[in-house]
C-alpha cells in the first residue's frame, strides 16, 4: 500500500507530464499553423456608438494567402454589424477586380466574410508582409450599453498556389488563461512544502 506522500509524488509526476504535453502541443500548433486573431476581443460599447474590430493573419510561412472565409460571433443585444466589411489590401483591390468579396449578416450574432484573390501567387507574395497583415475591419453599430464580446466561429485560409486549406490556429484568450492557470497551479504544487 502506498503512502499519502507517495501518491502525491506520483500525482505530481503525472500532472507535470500532462502539462508538458499540453505545452508542447500548443507550441507545435503555433509553429506549424497560420494564426488568425481579432483585435479587440471585447469592447465597451455605448448605445449609438460605432465600435469596430480588426481581423489579422500571421505566420503563413512561405505561403501566399489566396482566399479566406472567416465567421465572427458577437452579442446581437449590444451590437449590430453595418453590413459593410472593409477588406485589407493584401489579397488585391476588389474595386479593380483583383479580388472577389462576400459578406453575410443574415444570421443574428454571426458575421461571415470571405475574399478570393484573382492575382497571381507572385503578386500576392509582394503584397503580403511576412510579419502578418490585416484581413478586414468589421464596423458595428452599438444598440445597447455594455461589454461586447467577439469570437471566431470559423476560420478557413487557402494557399494561393495550390488552393489547399492552410492549417489555422485561432488563439482565444480563455484558452490562454486556462493554460496559464494550469501552469500556475502546477508551480504552486511544486513549491508547496511537505509536512515532516
C-alpha atoms as a PDB file:
ATOM      1  CA  UNK A   1       0.000   0.000   0.000  1.00  0.00           C
ATOM      2  CA  UNK A   2       1.362   3.399  -0.997  1.00  0.00           C
ATOM      3  CA  UNK A   3       1.622   6.209   1.477  1.00  0.00           C
ATOM      4  CA  UNK A   4      -0.093   9.569   1.038  1.00  0.00           C
ATOM      5  CA  UNK A   5       3.247  11.171   0.216  1.00  0.00           C
ATOM      6  CA  UNK A   6       3.974   8.526  -2.426  1.00  0.00           C
ATOM      7  CA  UNK A   7       0.580   9.108  -4.055  1.00  0.00           C
ATOM      8  CA  UNK A   8       1.159  12.874  -4.043  1.00  0.00           C
ATOM      9  CA  UNK A   9       4.528  12.470  -5.738  1.00  0.00           C
ATOM     10  CA  UNK A  10       3.038  10.143  -8.346  1.00  0.00           C
ATOM     11  CA  UNK A  11       0.176  12.620  -8.961  1.00  0.00           C
ATOM     12  CA  UNK A  12       2.671  15.475  -9.339  1.00  0.00           C
ATOM     13  CA  UNK A  13       4.665  13.500 -11.881  1.00  0.00           C
ATOM     14  CA  UNK A  14       1.518  12.766 -13.897  1.00  0.00           C
ATOM     15  CA  UNK A  15       0.472  16.432 -13.746  1.00  0.00           C
ATOM     16  CA  UNK A  16       3.930  17.565 -14.828  1.00  0.00           C
ATOM     17  CA  UNK A  17       3.961  15.172 -17.788  1.00  0.00           C
ATOM     18  CA  UNK A  18       0.404  16.195 -18.767  1.00  0.00           C
ATOM     19  CA  UNK A  19       1.214  19.917 -18.613  1.00  0.00           C
ATOM     20  CA  UNK A  20       4.400  19.437 -20.638  1.00  0.00           C
ATOM     21  CA  UNK A  21       2.390  17.533 -23.235  1.00  0.00           C
ATOM     22  CA  UNK A  22      -0.206  20.309 -23.448  1.00  0.00           C
ATOM     23  CA  UNK A  23       2.507  22.982 -23.687  1.00  0.00           C
ATOM     24  CA  UNK A  24       4.377  21.138 -26.432  1.00  0.00           C
ATOM     25  CA  UNK A  25       1.123  20.675 -28.380  1.00  0.00           C
ATOM     26  CA  UNK A  26       0.337  24.387 -28.133  1.00  0.00           C
ATOM     27  CA  UNK A  27       3.870  25.310 -29.210  1.00  0.00           C
ATOM     28  CA  UNK A  28       3.817  22.823 -32.109  1.00  0.00           C
ATOM     29  CA  UNK A  29       0.409  24.109 -33.241  1.00  0.00           C
ATOM     30  CA  UNK A  30       1.505  27.725 -33.151  1.00  0.00           C
ATOM     31  CA  UNK A  31       4.712  26.939 -35.070  1.00  0.00           C
ATOM     32  CA  UNK A  32       3.047  24.967 -37.873  1.00  0.00           C
ATOM     33  CA  UNK A  33      -0.201  26.905 -38.324  1.00  0.00           C
ATOM     34  CA  UNK A  34      -1.203  30.327 -39.526  1.00  0.00           C
ATOM     35  CA  UNK A  35      -2.732  32.414 -36.768  1.00  0.00           C
ATOM     36  CA  UNK A  36      -5.891  34.471 -37.153  1.00  0.00           C
ATOM     37  CA  UNK A  37      -6.625  36.963 -34.388  1.00  0.00           C
ATOM     38  CA  UNK A  38      -9.208  39.589 -33.510  1.00  0.00           C
ATOM     39  CA  UNK A  39      -8.436  42.986 -32.073  1.00  0.00           C
ATOM     40  CA  UNK A  40     -10.106  43.659 -29.707  1.00  0.00           C
ATOM     41  CA  UNK A  41     -11.788  40.508 -28.324  1.00  0.00           C
ATOM     42  CA  UNK A  42     -14.118  42.723 -26.323  1.00  0.00           C
ATOM     43  CA  UNK A  43     -15.123  46.374 -26.376  1.00  0.00           C
ATOM     44  CA  UNK A  44     -17.048  48.622 -24.012  1.00  0.00           C
ATOM     45  CA  UNK A  45     -19.878  49.996 -26.119  1.00  0.00           C
ATOM     46  CA  UNK A  46     -22.391  52.783 -25.571  1.00  0.00           C
ATOM     47  CA  UNK A  47     -25.740  52.892 -27.347  1.00  0.00           C
ATOM     48  CA  UNK A  48     -25.281  54.861 -30.573  1.00  0.00           C
ATOM     49  CA  UNK A  49     -21.518  54.257 -30.723  1.00  0.00           C
ATOM     50  CA  UNK A  50     -19.603  52.766 -33.651  1.00  0.00           C
ATOM     51  CA  UNK A  51     -17.149  50.100 -32.444  1.00  0.00           C
ATOM     52  CA  UNK A  52     -15.093  48.112 -34.931  1.00  0.00           C
ATOM     53  CA  UNK A  53     -12.835  45.073 -34.779  1.00  0.00           C
ATOM     54  CA  UNK A  54      -9.881  44.131 -36.947  1.00  0.00           C
ATOM     55  CA  UNK A  55      -9.031  40.632 -38.141  1.00  0.00           C
ATOM     56  CA  UNK A  56      -5.346  39.864 -38.724  1.00  0.00           C
ATOM     57  CA  UNK A  57      -3.420  36.857 -40.035  1.00  0.00           C
ATOM     58  CA  UNK A  58       0.237  35.984 -39.443  1.00  0.00           C
ATOM     59  CA  UNK A  59       2.661  33.042 -39.608  1.00  0.00           C
ATOM     60  CA  UNK A  60       1.820  31.990 -43.167  1.00  0.00           C
ATOM     61  CA  UNK A  61       5.417  30.896 -43.728  1.00  0.00           C
ATOM     62  CA  UNK A  62       6.324  30.753 -47.425  1.00  0.00           C
ATOM     63  CA  UNK A  63       2.647  30.520 -48.430  1.00  0.00           C
ATOM     64  CA  UNK A  64       0.716  33.285 -50.142  1.00  0.00           C
ATOM     65  CA  UNK A  65      -2.864  33.612 -48.933  1.00  0.00           C
ATOM     66  CA  UNK A  66      -5.207  33.266 -51.915  1.00  0.00           C
ATOM     67  CA  UNK A  67      -8.575  33.177 -50.170  1.00  0.00           C
ATOM     68  CA  UNK A  68     -10.193  33.205 -46.747  1.00  0.00           C
ATOM     69  CA  UNK A  69     -13.609  32.644 -45.184  1.00  0.00           C
ATOM     70  CA  UNK A  70     -13.994  33.820 -41.597  1.00  0.00           C
ATOM     71  CA  UNK A  71     -17.012  33.989 -39.270  1.00  0.00           C
ATOM     72  CA  UNK A  72     -17.086  36.194 -36.175  1.00  0.00           C
ATOM     73  CA  UNK A  73     -19.654  35.865 -33.386  1.00  0.00           C
ATOM     74  CA  UNK A  74     -20.946  38.901 -31.490  1.00  0.00           C
ATOM     75  CA  UNK A  75     -23.674  39.756 -28.962  1.00  0.00           C
ATOM     76  CA  UNK A  76     -26.718  40.865 -31.007  1.00  0.00           C
ATOM     77  CA  UNK A  77     -28.243  42.535 -27.931  1.00  0.00           C
ATOM     78  CA  UNK A  78     -25.337  45.038 -27.834  1.00  0.00           C
ATOM     79  CA  UNK A  79     -24.065  45.492 -31.401  1.00  0.00           C
ATOM     80  CA  UNK A  80     -25.267  45.091 -34.961  1.00  0.00           C
ATOM     81  CA  UNK A  81     -22.977  44.809 -37.995  1.00  0.00           C
ATOM     82  CA  UNK A  82     -23.247  47.635 -40.505  1.00  0.00           C
ATOM     83  CA  UNK A  83     -23.281  45.096 -43.359  1.00  0.00           C
ATOM     84  CA  UNK A  84     -20.106  46.590 -44.793  1.00  0.00           C
ATOM     85  CA  UNK A  85     -16.700  44.951 -44.310  1.00  0.00           C
ATOM     86  CA  UNK A  86     -13.566  46.924 -45.108  1.00  0.00           C
ATOM     87  CA  UNK A  87     -11.227  44.355 -46.633  1.00  0.00           C
ATOM     88  CA  UNK A  88      -7.457  44.790 -46.356  1.00  0.00           C
ATOM     89  CA  UNK A  89      -5.302  45.234 -49.460  1.00  0.00           C
ATOM     90  CA  UNK A  90      -3.190  42.067 -49.150  1.00  0.00           C
ATOM     91  CA  UNK A  91      -5.395  39.998 -51.498  1.00  0.00           C
ATOM     92  CA  UNK A  92      -5.853  42.766 -54.065  1.00  0.00           C
ATOM     93  CA  UNK A  93      -8.312  45.598 -54.602  1.00  0.00           C
ATOM     94  CA  UNK A  94     -11.927  44.460 -55.166  1.00  0.00           C
ATOM     95  CA  UNK A  95     -12.760  47.782 -56.862  1.00  0.00           C
ATOM     96  CA  UNK A  96     -10.122  46.964 -59.533  1.00  0.00           C
ATOM     97  CA  UNK A  97     -11.455  43.385 -59.912  1.00  0.00           C
ATOM     98  CA  UNK A  98      -8.317  41.953 -58.279  1.00  0.00           C
ATOM     99  CA  UNK A  99     -10.414  40.139 -55.668  1.00  0.00           C
ATOM    100  CA  UNK A 100     -13.964  38.914 -55.071  1.00  0.00           C
ATOM    101  CA  UNK A 101     -15.617  39.522 -51.695  1.00  0.00           C
ATOM    102  CA  UNK A 102     -18.724  38.326 -49.890  1.00  0.00           C
ATOM    103  CA  UNK A 103     -20.367  39.417 -46.629  1.00  0.00           C
ATOM    104  CA  UNK A 104     -23.222  37.565 -44.912  1.00  0.00           C
ATOM    105  CA  UNK A 105     -25.005  39.043 -41.874  1.00  0.00           C
ATOM    106  CA  UNK A 106     -28.262  37.049 -42.232  1.00  0.00           C
ATOM    107  CA  UNK A 107     -27.684  35.006 -39.048  1.00  0.00           C
ATOM    108  CA  UNK A 108     -28.108  37.153 -35.914  1.00  0.00           C
ATOM    109  CA  UNK A 109     -24.930  37.051 -33.841  1.00  0.00           C
ATOM    110  CA  UNK A 110     -22.661  35.996 -36.752  1.00  0.00           C
ATOM    111  CA  UNK A 111     -20.827  37.962 -39.446  1.00  0.00           C
ATOM    112  CA  UNK A 112     -19.334  35.819 -42.193  1.00  0.00           C
ATOM    113  CA  UNK A 113     -16.975  37.429 -44.674  1.00  0.00           C
ATOM    114  CA  UNK A 114     -14.846  35.971 -47.425  1.00  0.00           C
ATOM    115  CA  UNK A 115     -12.399  37.139 -50.048  1.00  0.00           C
ATOM    116  CA  UNK A 116     -10.828  35.346 -53.011  1.00  0.00           C
ATOM    117  CA  UNK A 117      -7.891  36.900 -54.828  1.00  0.00           C
ATOM    118  CA  UNK A 118      -7.644  36.932 -58.619  1.00  0.00           C
ATOM    119  CA  UNK A 119      -3.938  37.854 -58.522  1.00  0.00           C
ATOM    120  CA  UNK A 120      -1.023  35.507 -59.184  1.00  0.00           C
ATOM    121  CA  UNK A 121       0.944  33.924 -56.353  1.00  0.00           C
ATOM    122  CA  UNK A 122       3.932  36.178 -57.126  1.00  0.00           C
ATOM    123  CA  UNK A 123       1.732  39.307 -56.938  1.00  0.00           C
ATOM    124  CA  UNK A 124       0.253  38.146 -53.632  1.00  0.00           C
ATOM    125  CA  UNK A 125       3.663  37.429 -52.112  1.00  0.00           C
ATOM    126  CA  UNK A 126       4.656  41.013 -52.997  1.00  0.00           C
ATOM    127  CA  UNK A 127       1.521  42.375 -51.269  1.00  0.00           C
ATOM    128  CA  UNK A 128       1.635  40.196 -48.127  1.00  0.00           C
ATOM    129  CA  UNK A 129       4.241  41.056 -45.468  1.00  0.00           C
ATOM    130  CA  UNK A 130       5.835  38.032 -43.762  1.00  0.00           C
ATOM    131  CA  UNK A 131       5.075  39.600 -40.366  1.00  0.00           C
ATOM    132  CA  UNK A 132       1.323  39.415 -40.986  1.00  0.00           C
ATOM    133  CA  UNK A 133      -1.386  41.680 -42.306  1.00  0.00           C
ATOM    134  CA  UNK A 134      -4.940  42.937 -41.935  1.00  0.00           C
ATOM    135  CA  UNK A 135      -7.646  40.769 -43.484  1.00  0.00           C
ATOM    136  CA  UNK A 136     -10.565  43.069 -42.722  1.00  0.00           C
ATOM    137  CA  UNK A 137     -12.111  45.662 -40.421  1.00  0.00           C
ATOM    138  CA  UNK A 138     -15.658  44.971 -39.236  1.00  0.00           C
ATOM    139  CA  UNK A 139     -17.647  48.073 -38.240  1.00  0.00           C
ATOM    140  CA  UNK A 140     -20.631  47.717 -35.888  1.00  0.00           C
ATOM    141  CA  UNK A 141     -23.394  49.965 -34.586  1.00  0.00           C
ATOM    142  CA  UNK A 142     -23.936  49.792 -30.824  1.00  0.00           C
ATOM    143  CA  UNK A 143     -27.603  49.217 -29.955  1.00  0.00           C
ATOM    144  CA  UNK A 144     -27.027  48.748 -26.223  1.00  0.00           C
ATOM    145  CA  UNK A 145     -24.566  49.609 -23.488  1.00  0.00           C
ATOM    146  CA  UNK A 146     -22.130  47.084 -22.010  1.00  0.00           C
ATOM    147  CA  UNK A 147     -19.132  44.937 -22.900  1.00  0.00           C
ATOM    148  CA  UNK A 148     -19.454  43.367 -26.333  1.00  0.00           C
ATOM    149  CA  UNK A 149     -17.532  40.104 -26.773  1.00  0.00           C
ATOM    150  CA  UNK A 150     -16.267  38.951 -30.175  1.00  0.00           C
ATOM    151  CA  UNK A 151     -15.000  35.471 -31.072  1.00  0.00           C
ATOM    152  CA  UNK A 152     -14.299  33.286 -34.090  1.00  0.00           C
ATOM    153  CA  UNK A 153     -16.744  30.587 -35.108  1.00  0.00           C
ATOM    154  CA  UNK A 154     -14.941  29.650 -38.335  1.00  0.00           C
ATOM    155  CA  UNK A 155     -11.616  30.396 -39.964  1.00  0.00           C
ATOM    156  CA  UNK A 156     -10.555  28.952 -43.307  1.00  0.00           C
ATOM    157  CA  UNK A 157      -7.454  30.052 -45.208  1.00  0.00           C
ATOM    158  CA  UNK A 158      -6.449  28.804 -48.674  1.00  0.00           C
ATOM    159  CA  UNK A 159      -2.989  28.713 -50.231  1.00  0.00           C
ATOM    160  CA  UNK A 160      -2.777  30.773 -53.439  1.00  0.00           C
ATOM    161  CA  UNK A 161      -0.513  28.318 -55.276  1.00  0.00           C
ATOM    162  CA  UNK A 162      -2.417  25.091 -54.572  1.00  0.00           C
ATOM    163  CA  UNK A 163      -5.851  26.137 -53.314  1.00  0.00           C
ATOM    164  CA  UNK A 164      -5.358  23.767 -50.377  1.00  0.00           C
ATOM    165  CA  UNK A 165      -6.562  24.749 -46.930  1.00  0.00           C
ATOM    166  CA  UNK A 166      -3.820  26.045 -44.636  1.00  0.00           C
ATOM    167  CA  UNK A 167      -3.726  24.867 -41.014  1.00  0.00           C
ATOM    168  CA  UNK A 168      -5.153  27.602 -38.790  1.00  0.00           C
ATOM    169  CA  UNK A 169      -4.730  28.311 -35.092  1.00  0.00           C
ATOM    170  CA  UNK A 170      -7.207  30.735 -33.576  1.00  0.00           C
ATOM    171  CA  UNK A 171      -5.938  31.854 -30.178  1.00  0.00           C
ATOM    172  CA  UNK A 172      -8.722  32.610 -27.749  1.00  0.00           C
ATOM    173  CA  UNK A 173      -7.988  34.498 -24.532  1.00  0.00           C
ATOM    174  CA  UNK A 174      -9.924  31.917 -22.476  1.00  0.00           C
ATOM    175  CA  UNK A 175      -7.688  29.079 -23.708  1.00  0.00           C
ATOM    176  CA  UNK A 176      -4.534  31.002 -22.894  1.00  0.00           C
ATOM    177  CA  UNK A 177      -5.963  31.893 -19.471  1.00  0.00           C
ATOM    178  CA  UNK A 178      -6.677  28.242 -18.693  1.00  0.00           C
ATOM    179  CA  UNK A 179      -3.177  27.244 -19.778  1.00  0.00           C
ATOM    180  CA  UNK A 180      -1.629  29.902 -17.541  1.00  0.00           C
ATOM    181  CA  UNK A 181      -3.909  28.920 -14.640  1.00  0.00           C
ATOM    182  CA  UNK A 182      -2.819  25.286 -15.013  1.00  0.00           C
ATOM    183  CA  UNK A 183       0.851  26.249 -15.128  1.00  0.00           C
ATOM    184  CA  UNK A 184       0.410  28.422 -12.038  1.00  0.00           C
ATOM    185  CA  UNK A 185      -1.297  25.586 -10.158  1.00  0.00           C
ATOM    186  CA  UNK A 186       1.467  23.218 -11.192  1.00  0.00           C
ATOM    187  CA  UNK A 187       4.094  25.695  -9.993  1.00  0.00           C
ATOM    188  CA  UNK A 188       2.260  26.164  -6.700  1.00  0.00           C
ATOM    189  CA  UNK A 189       2.034  22.407  -6.183  1.00  0.00           C
ATOM    190  CA  UNK A 190       5.746  22.042  -6.884  1.00  0.00           C
ATOM    191  CA  UNK A 191       6.773  24.705  -4.383  1.00  0.00           C
ATOM    192  CA  UNK A 192       4.493  23.687  -1.506  1.00  0.00           C
ATOM    193  CA  UNK A 193       6.420  22.201   1.344  1.00  0.00           C
ATOM    194  CA  UNK A 194       5.545  18.787   2.654  1.00  0.00           C
ATOM    195  CA  UNK A 195       4.925  18.411   6.408  1.00  0.00           C
ATOM    196  CA  UNK A 196       7.612  16.373   8.163  1.00  0.00           C
END
